[in-house]
């Protein structure tokens, strides 16, 4: 019997090694599969704006998806070139979708100038360019808002201007209230505002947790807002506490609440990001089979917490995925009782 067990373990190890995902198959720009967005990104890379315009037309009124798509396409334009967006604006000068993408592109370009380093490691020149471009983004946002007054996306995008320029607390609260009036359970807006309230930006640990818990408390199942307390906890505790803290009653309760939320989230566009975060927490808690289930849904994508914070995010994602798979196999082999 012992020989059979060891053969099973060896087979499991071989299975994990065989299925070690090649880095070239990991998409570091998206959190999960989204064929419509991926087609639009591919079209933009070929200089074609029409498929991007069609994408926004087809998602009219889906505020969550609209914000996400604007963010991802704006990031692409800021990093890889915006000739396709310029052509779109020239062809349709009053198109609110093109105006929104122009604002998002300006904001993403500002953050590109700043870089991802801590403030103490960021040069005065980088900060100067960052602030100058962010100031200009406010004009782009105002134009986008004037072309689509009911759309919360320009307000959601402005939260990153607020964070970068250091808006007073009352102005951030005003932005949140304006978004809530249009889309009260907008995950992207709440996640962006939460960053503002974190200690590393314009708030404190206590302010971030209070904001996250209040937003989660009144949210319906499927909105994914129960993930906000997990994000707030991760932002202030990960790396500062031993792994055992992940297994505390408080953290397990937050994970279980988010799992219940995920089960009713349907095709929520931000669901993949929450699955990545849950996979990380479940792995830390030794809940390997549950972690594997989350990884299964987002396999091959890595643009989410916690991987996007790490210098070698794809490697970290792949290592965590492999540990979860190995742990799940060993859990199945472990004798019961």
Protein backbone atom coordinates (compact mmCIF):
# COMPACT_ATOMS: atom_id res chain seq x y z
CA UNK A 1 0.00 0.00 0.00
CA UNK A 2 2.86 2.38 0.84
CA UNK A 3 4.38 1.73 -2.58
CA UNK A 4 1.08 2.62 -4.23
CA UNK A 5 0.84 5.83 -2.24
CA UNK A 6 4.35 6.87 -3.21
CA UNK A 7 3.65 6.05 -6.84
CA UNK A 8 0.54 8.22 -6.65
CA UNK A 9 2.56 11.07 -5.13
CA UNK A 10 5.21 10.72 -7.83
CA UNK A 11 2.52 10.77 -10.49
CA UNK A 12 1.03 13.90 -8.93
CA UNK A 13 4.40 15.66 -8.92
CA UNK A 14 4.95 14.69 -12.55
CA UNK A 15 1.47 15.97 -13.37
CA UNK A 16 2.20 19.36 -11.79
CA UNK A 17 5.53 19.62 -13.61
CA UNK A 18 3.99 18.60 -16.92
CA UNK A 19 1.27 21.21 -16.63
CA UNK A 20 3.60 24.02 -15.52
CA UNK A 21 2.18 26.84 -17.62
CA UNK A 22 4.71 28.39 -20.06
CA UNK A 23 5.19 32.09 -19.35
CA UNK A 24 4.44 32.98 -22.97
CA UNK A 25 0.92 31.61 -22.46
CA UNK A 26 0.20 33.95 -19.56
CA UNK A 27 -1.49 37.22 -20.52
CA UNK A 28 -0.17 39.95 -18.16
CA UNK A 29 -2.61 42.63 -19.38
CA UNK A 30 -5.96 41.05 -18.47
CA UNK A 31 -7.29 39.31 -15.37
CA UNK A 32 -9.28 36.68 -17.21
CA UNK A 33 -10.73 35.67 -20.57
CA UNK A 34 -12.85 38.28 -22.34
CA UNK A 35 -13.02 37.48 -26.08
CA UNK A 36 -14.79 40.73 -27.02
CA UNK A 37 -12.19 42.90 -25.28
CA UNK A 38 -9.32 40.81 -26.61
CA UNK A 39 -10.60 41.24 -30.18
CA UNK A 40 -10.84 45.00 -29.67
CA UNK A 41 -7.31 45.17 -28.26
CA UNK A 42 -6.01 43.16 -31.23
CA UNK A 43 -7.78 45.53 -33.64
CA UNK A 44 -6.29 48.57 -31.90
CA UNK A 45 -2.84 47.02 -32.20
CA UNK A 46 -3.42 46.89 -35.97
CA UNK A 47 -4.49 50.55 -36.02
CA UNK A 48 -8.22 49.87 -36.45
CA UNK A 49 -10.66 51.84 -34.33
CA UNK A 50 -13.96 50.60 -35.77
CA UNK A 51 -14.02 47.31 -33.77
CA UNK A 52 -13.34 49.31 -30.61
CA UNK A 53 -16.26 51.60 -31.38
CA UNK A 54 -18.45 48.54 -31.99
CA UNK A 55 -17.39 47.09 -28.63
CA UNK A 56 -18.57 50.19 -26.78
CA UNK A 57 -21.79 50.31 -28.78
CA UNK A 58 -22.55 46.72 -27.82
CA UNK A 59 -21.98 47.37 -24.10
CA UNK A 60 -24.04 50.57 -23.90
CA UNK A 61 -25.53 50.98 -20.44
CA UNK A 62 -23.31 48.34 -18.85
CA UNK A 63 -21.44 50.84 -16.70
CA UNK A 64 -19.12 48.33 -15.04
CA UNK A 65 -17.99 46.85 -18.33
CA UNK A 66 -17.70 50.27 -19.95
CA UNK A 67 -15.32 51.48 -17.25
CA UNK A 68 -13.22 48.33 -17.44
CA UNK A 69 -12.97 48.43 -21.23
CA UNK A 70 -12.06 52.12 -21.23
CA UNK A 71 -9.36 51.45 -18.66
CA UNK A 72 -7.82 48.53 -20.54
CA UNK A 73 -7.95 50.18 -23.96
CA UNK A 74 -6.69 53.47 -22.52
CA UNK A 75 -3.78 51.60 -20.95
CA UNK A 76 -3.01 50.03 -24.31
CA UNK A 77 -3.11 53.39 -26.12
CA UNK A 78 -0.86 55.03 -23.51
CA UNK A 79 1.71 52.25 -23.75
CA UNK A 80 1.64 51.27 -27.41
CA UNK A 81 0.42 54.32 -29.31
CA UNK A 82 -2.90 56.07 -29.89
CA UNK A 83 -2.95 56.64 -33.66
CA UNK A 84 -6.13 54.55 -33.92
CA UNK A 85 -7.80 56.70 -31.25
CA UNK A 86 -6.77 59.91 -33.02
CA UNK A 87 -8.30 58.55 -36.23
CA UNK A 88 -11.50 57.70 -34.36
CA UNK A 89 -11.78 61.19 -32.89
CA UNK A 90 -11.20 62.75 -36.31
CA UNK A 91 -13.90 60.57 -37.87
CA UNK A 92 -16.40 61.12 -35.03
CA UNK A 93 -15.48 64.30 -33.13
CA UNK A 94 -18.50 64.18 -30.78
CA UNK A 95 -18.45 60.46 -30.04
CA UNK A 96 -18.67 60.09 -26.22
CA UNK A 97 -16.91 56.72 -26.33
CA UNK A 98 -13.88 58.16 -28.11
CA UNK A 99 -13.88 61.09 -25.67
CA UNK A 100 -13.90 58.71 -22.71
CA UNK A 101 -11.02 56.74 -24.17
CA UNK A 102 -9.05 59.94 -24.75
CA UNK A 103 -9.45 60.84 -21.07
CA UNK A 104 -8.47 57.33 -19.92
CA UNK A 105 -5.45 57.33 -22.23
CA UNK A 106 -4.27 60.66 -20.82
CA UNK A 107 -4.62 59.37 -17.26
CA UNK A 108 -2.81 56.11 -18.03
CA UNK A 109 -0.04 58.06 -19.77
CA UNK A 110 0.38 60.20 -16.65
CA UNK A 111 0.79 57.11 -14.50
CA UNK A 112 3.25 55.71 -17.01
CA UNK A 113 5.36 58.86 -16.58
CA UNK A 114 5.27 58.51 -12.82
CA UNK A 115 6.24 54.84 -12.82
CA UNK A 116 5.39 52.21 -10.24
CA UNK A 117 8.03 53.04 -7.63
CA UNK A 118 7.36 54.39 -4.16
CA UNK A 119 7.33 58.18 -3.93
CA UNK A 120 10.73 58.28 -2.24
CA UNK A 121 12.24 56.52 -5.27
CA UNK A 122 10.46 58.67 -7.89
CA UNK A 123 12.35 61.62 -9.35
CA UNK A 124 11.15 65.21 -9.22
CA UNK A 125 11.11 65.24 -13.04
CA UNK A 126 8.81 62.20 -13.14
CA UNK A 127 6.47 63.82 -10.61
CA UNK A 128 6.42 67.06 -12.58
CA UNK A 129 5.38 65.31 -15.78
CA UNK A 130 2.90 63.16 -13.90
CA UNK A 131 1.13 66.11 -12.31
CA UNK A 132 1.17 68.20 -15.48
CA UNK A 133 -0.50 65.47 -17.55
CA UNK A 134 -3.04 64.70 -14.81
CA UNK A 135 -4.06 68.36 -14.72
CA UNK A 136 -4.64 68.17 -18.47
CA UNK A 137 -6.69 65.01 -18.07
CA UNK A 138 -9.32 66.96 -16.17
CA UNK A 139 -10.25 68.83 -19.36
CA UNK A 140 -10.58 65.52 -21.23
CA UNK A 141 -12.76 64.14 -18.44
CA UNK A 142 -14.99 67.22 -18.46
CA UNK A 143 -15.54 66.85 -22.19
CA UNK A 144 -16.33 63.14 -21.89
CA UNK A 145 -18.81 63.88 -19.11
CA UNK A 146 -20.51 66.62 -21.12
CA UNK A 147 -21.05 64.23 -24.05
CA UNK A 148 -22.63 61.53 -21.84
CA UNK A 149 -23.98 63.13 -18.64
CA UNK A 150 -25.51 59.85 -17.38
CA UNK A 151 -22.26 57.90 -17.72
CA UNK A 152 -20.34 57.30 -14.45
CA UNK A 153 -17.16 56.20 -16.29
CA UNK A 154 -15.56 59.69 -16.46
CA UNK A 155 -16.15 60.07 -12.72
CA UNK A 156 -14.63 56.66 -12.02
CA UNK A 157 -11.61 57.61 -14.12
CA UNK A 158 -11.29 60.91 -12.24
CA UNK A 159 -10.75 58.99 -9.02
CA UNK A 160 -7.24 58.21 -10.30
CA UNK A 161 -6.68 61.90 -10.93
CA UNK A 162 -7.90 62.57 -7.38
CA UNK A 163 -5.46 60.01 -6.05
CA UNK A 164 -2.51 61.35 -8.04
CA UNK A 165 -3.14 65.05 -7.40
CA UNK A 166 -4.20 64.60 -3.80
CA UNK A 167 -7.78 65.86 -3.90
CA UNK A 168 -9.13 66.76 -0.44
CA UNK A 169 -11.19 64.05 1.26
CA UNK A 170 -14.43 65.94 0.66
CA UNK A 171 -13.81 65.98 -3.11
CA UNK A 172 -13.25 62.24 -3.22
CA UNK A 173 -16.43 61.71 -1.22
CA UNK A 174 -18.25 63.92 -3.71
CA UNK A 175 -16.95 61.83 -6.63
CA UNK A 176 -18.12 58.64 -4.91
CA UNK A 177 -21.55 60.11 -4.26
CA UNK A 178 -21.92 61.15 -7.90
CA UNK A 179 -21.00 57.65 -9.09
CA UNK A 180 -23.37 56.07 -6.56
CA UNK A 181 -26.22 58.16 -7.94
CA UNK A 182 -25.64 56.58 -11.37
CA UNK A 183 -24.34 53.10 -10.47
CA UNK A 184 -24.55 52.40 -6.71
CA UNK A 185 -22.73 49.04 -6.75
CA UNK A 186 -20.02 49.86 -9.29
CA UNK A 187 -17.13 47.60 -8.27
CA UNK A 188 -14.52 49.52 -10.26
CA UNK A 189 -15.50 52.79 -8.62
CA UNK A 190 -15.39 51.34 -5.12
CA UNK A 191 -12.06 49.60 -5.74
CA UNK A 192 -10.58 52.87 -7.07
CA UNK A 193 -11.90 54.89 -4.14
CA UNK A 194 -10.54 52.28 -1.74
CA UNK A 195 -7.05 52.91 -3.10
CA UNK A 196 -7.45 56.60 -2.26
CA UNK A 197 -8.37 55.76 1.34
CA UNK A 198 -5.39 53.42 1.84
CA UNK A 199 -2.50 54.54 4.02
CA UNK A 200 -0.07 54.46 1.09
CA UNK A 201 -2.06 57.20 -0.66
CA UNK A 202 -4.44 59.67 0.99
CA UNK A 203 -5.95 57.81 3.92
CA UNK A 204 -5.12 55.41 6.74
CA UNK A 205 -5.52 51.73 7.49
CA UNK A 206 -8.60 52.50 9.56
CA UNK A 207 -10.16 54.72 6.89
CA UNK A 208 -9.64 52.07 4.22
CA UNK A 209 -11.18 49.31 6.32
CA UNK A 210 -14.12 51.46 7.33
CA UNK A 211 -14.80 52.41 3.72
CA UNK A 212 -14.54 48.79 2.53
CA UNK A 213 -16.75 47.37 5.27
CA UNK A 214 -19.44 50.02 4.78
CA UNK A 215 -19.55 49.44 1.01
CA UNK A 216 -19.69 45.66 1.43
CA UNK A 217 -22.35 45.75 4.14
CA UNK A 218 -25.06 47.24 1.96
CA UNK A 219 -24.26 45.50 -1.29
CA UNK A 220 -26.35 42.76 -2.92
CA UNK A 221 -24.89 39.32 -3.63
CA UNK A 222 -23.18 39.20 -6.98
CA UNK A 223 -21.89 42.78 -6.84
CA UNK A 224 -18.49 41.47 -5.62
CA UNK A 225 -18.24 44.31 -3.11
CA UNK A 226 -17.62 41.80 -0.33
CA UNK A 227 -14.12 41.55 -1.81
CA UNK A 228 -13.35 45.10 -0.71
CA UNK A 229 -12.53 44.17 2.93
CA UNK A 230 -10.13 41.53 1.59
CA UNK A 231 -8.44 44.14 -0.60
CA UNK A 232 -8.19 46.56 2.32
CA UNK A 233 -6.70 43.82 4.52
CA UNK A 234 -4.20 42.80 1.83
CA UNK A 235 -3.11 46.39 1.18
CA UNK A 236 -2.18 46.93 4.83
CA UNK A 237 -1.23 43.50 6.17
CA UNK A 238 0.38 41.40 3.45
CA UNK A 239 4.12 41.30 4.00
CA UNK A 240 3.70 42.81 7.45
CA UNK A 241 2.18 39.78 9.20
CA UNK A 242 3.05 36.07 9.31
CA UNK A 243 1.19 33.71 7.00
CA UNK A 244 -0.71 32.41 10.02
CA UNK A 245 -2.65 35.70 10.05
CA UNK A 246 -4.32 34.62 6.81
CA UNK A 247 -5.86 31.73 8.75
CA UNK A 248 -7.42 33.90 11.45
CA UNK A 249 -11.17 33.71 12.04
CA UNK A 250 -11.61 37.26 10.75
CA UNK A 251 -9.85 36.62 7.45
CA UNK A 252 -11.56 33.27 6.91
CA UNK A 253 -14.90 35.00 7.42
CA UNK A 254 -14.03 37.62 4.80
CA UNK A 255 -12.91 34.93 2.34
CA UNK A 256 -16.10 32.93 2.83
CA UNK A 257 -18.24 36.03 2.28
CA UNK A 258 -16.40 36.79 -0.97
CA UNK A 259 -16.78 33.18 -2.11
CA UNK A 260 -20.54 33.42 -1.59
CA UNK A 261 -20.55 36.66 -3.59
CA UNK A 262 -18.56 35.09 -6.43
CA UNK A 263 -21.03 32.20 -6.63
CA UNK A 264 -23.77 34.67 -7.62
CA UNK A 265 -21.71 37.07 -9.75
CA UNK A 266 -22.64 35.55 -13.10
CA UNK A 267 -20.65 37.21 -15.89
CA UNK A 268 -19.62 40.25 -13.85
CA UNK A 269 -16.68 41.78 -15.77
CA UNK A 270 -14.55 42.19 -12.63
CA UNK A 271 -15.13 38.61 -11.46
CA UNK A 272 -11.73 37.35 -12.68
CA UNK A 273 -9.91 39.90 -10.49
CA UNK A 274 -11.75 38.69 -7.41
CA UNK A 275 -11.00 35.07 -8.31
CA UNK A 276 -7.25 35.85 -8.40
CA UNK A 277 -7.42 37.49 -4.98
CA UNK A 278 -9.41 34.60 -3.54
CA UNK A 279 -6.96 32.08 -4.99
CA UNK A 280 -4.15 33.88 -3.15
CA UNK A 281 -6.00 33.91 0.18
CA UNK A 282 -7.21 30.31 -0.16
CA UNK A 283 -3.68 29.16 -0.94
CA UNK A 284 -2.37 30.95 2.16
CA UNK A 285 -5.10 29.25 4.21
CA UNK A 286 -4.17 25.81 2.92
CA UNK A 287 -7.51 25.44 1.13
CA UNK A 288 -5.80 24.09 -1.96
CA UNK A 289 -8.72 22.51 -3.76
CA UNK A 290 -10.76 25.69 -3.44
CA UNK A 291 -7.77 27.72 -4.68
CA UNK A 292 -7.43 25.44 -7.72
CA UNK A 293 -11.10 26.05 -8.53
CA UNK A 294 -10.47 29.81 -8.63
CA UNK A 295 -7.31 29.41 -10.70
CA UNK A 296 -9.18 27.19 -13.14
CA UNK A 297 -11.49 30.04 -14.13
CA UNK A 298 -8.70 32.54 -14.82
CA UNK A 299 -5.96 30.24 -16.06
CA UNK A 300 -3.47 31.96 -18.33
CA UNK A 301 -4.10 35.54 -17.15
CA UNK A 302 -2.28 37.46 -14.41
CA UNK A 303 -3.28 41.16 -14.33
CA UNK A 304 -4.81 41.19 -10.86
CA UNK A 305 -3.95 41.44 -7.19
CA UNK A 306 -1.64 40.20 -5.85
CA UNK A 307 0.44 39.40 -8.93
CA UNK A 308 0.32 42.89 -10.47
CA UNK A 309 2.07 44.29 -7.39
CA UNK A 310 5.02 41.94 -7.76
CA UNK A 311 8.08 42.65 -9.96
CA UNK A 312 7.75 39.26 -11.68
CA UNK A 313 3.99 38.94 -11.61
CA UNK A 314 3.64 36.15 -14.15
CA UNK A 315 6.22 34.04 -12.33
CA UNK A 316 4.46 34.63 -9.01
CA UNK A 317 1.10 33.69 -10.54
CA UNK A 318 2.53 30.52 -12.05
CA UNK A 319 4.28 29.53 -8.81
CA UNK A 320 1.09 30.02 -6.78
CA UNK A 321 -0.95 28.08 -9.33
CA UNK A 322 1.54 25.21 -9.15
CA UNK A 323 1.58 25.17 -5.34
CA UNK A 324 -2.20 25.06 -5.28
CA UNK A 325 -2.31 22.15 -7.74
CA UNK A 326 0.31 20.20 -5.80
CA UNK A 327 -1.42 20.86 -2.49
CA UNK A 328 -4.80 19.80 -3.90
CA UNK A 329 -3.39 16.49 -5.10
CA UNK A 330 -1.69 15.78 -1.78
CA UNK A 331 -4.88 16.67 0.09
CA UNK A 332 -6.77 14.07 -1.94
CA UNK A 333 -4.14 11.43 -1.11
CA UNK A 334 -4.07 12.22 2.60
CA UNK A 335 -5.85 9.54 4.66
CA UNK A 336 -9.13 10.64 6.21
CA UNK A 337 -9.95 10.38 9.92
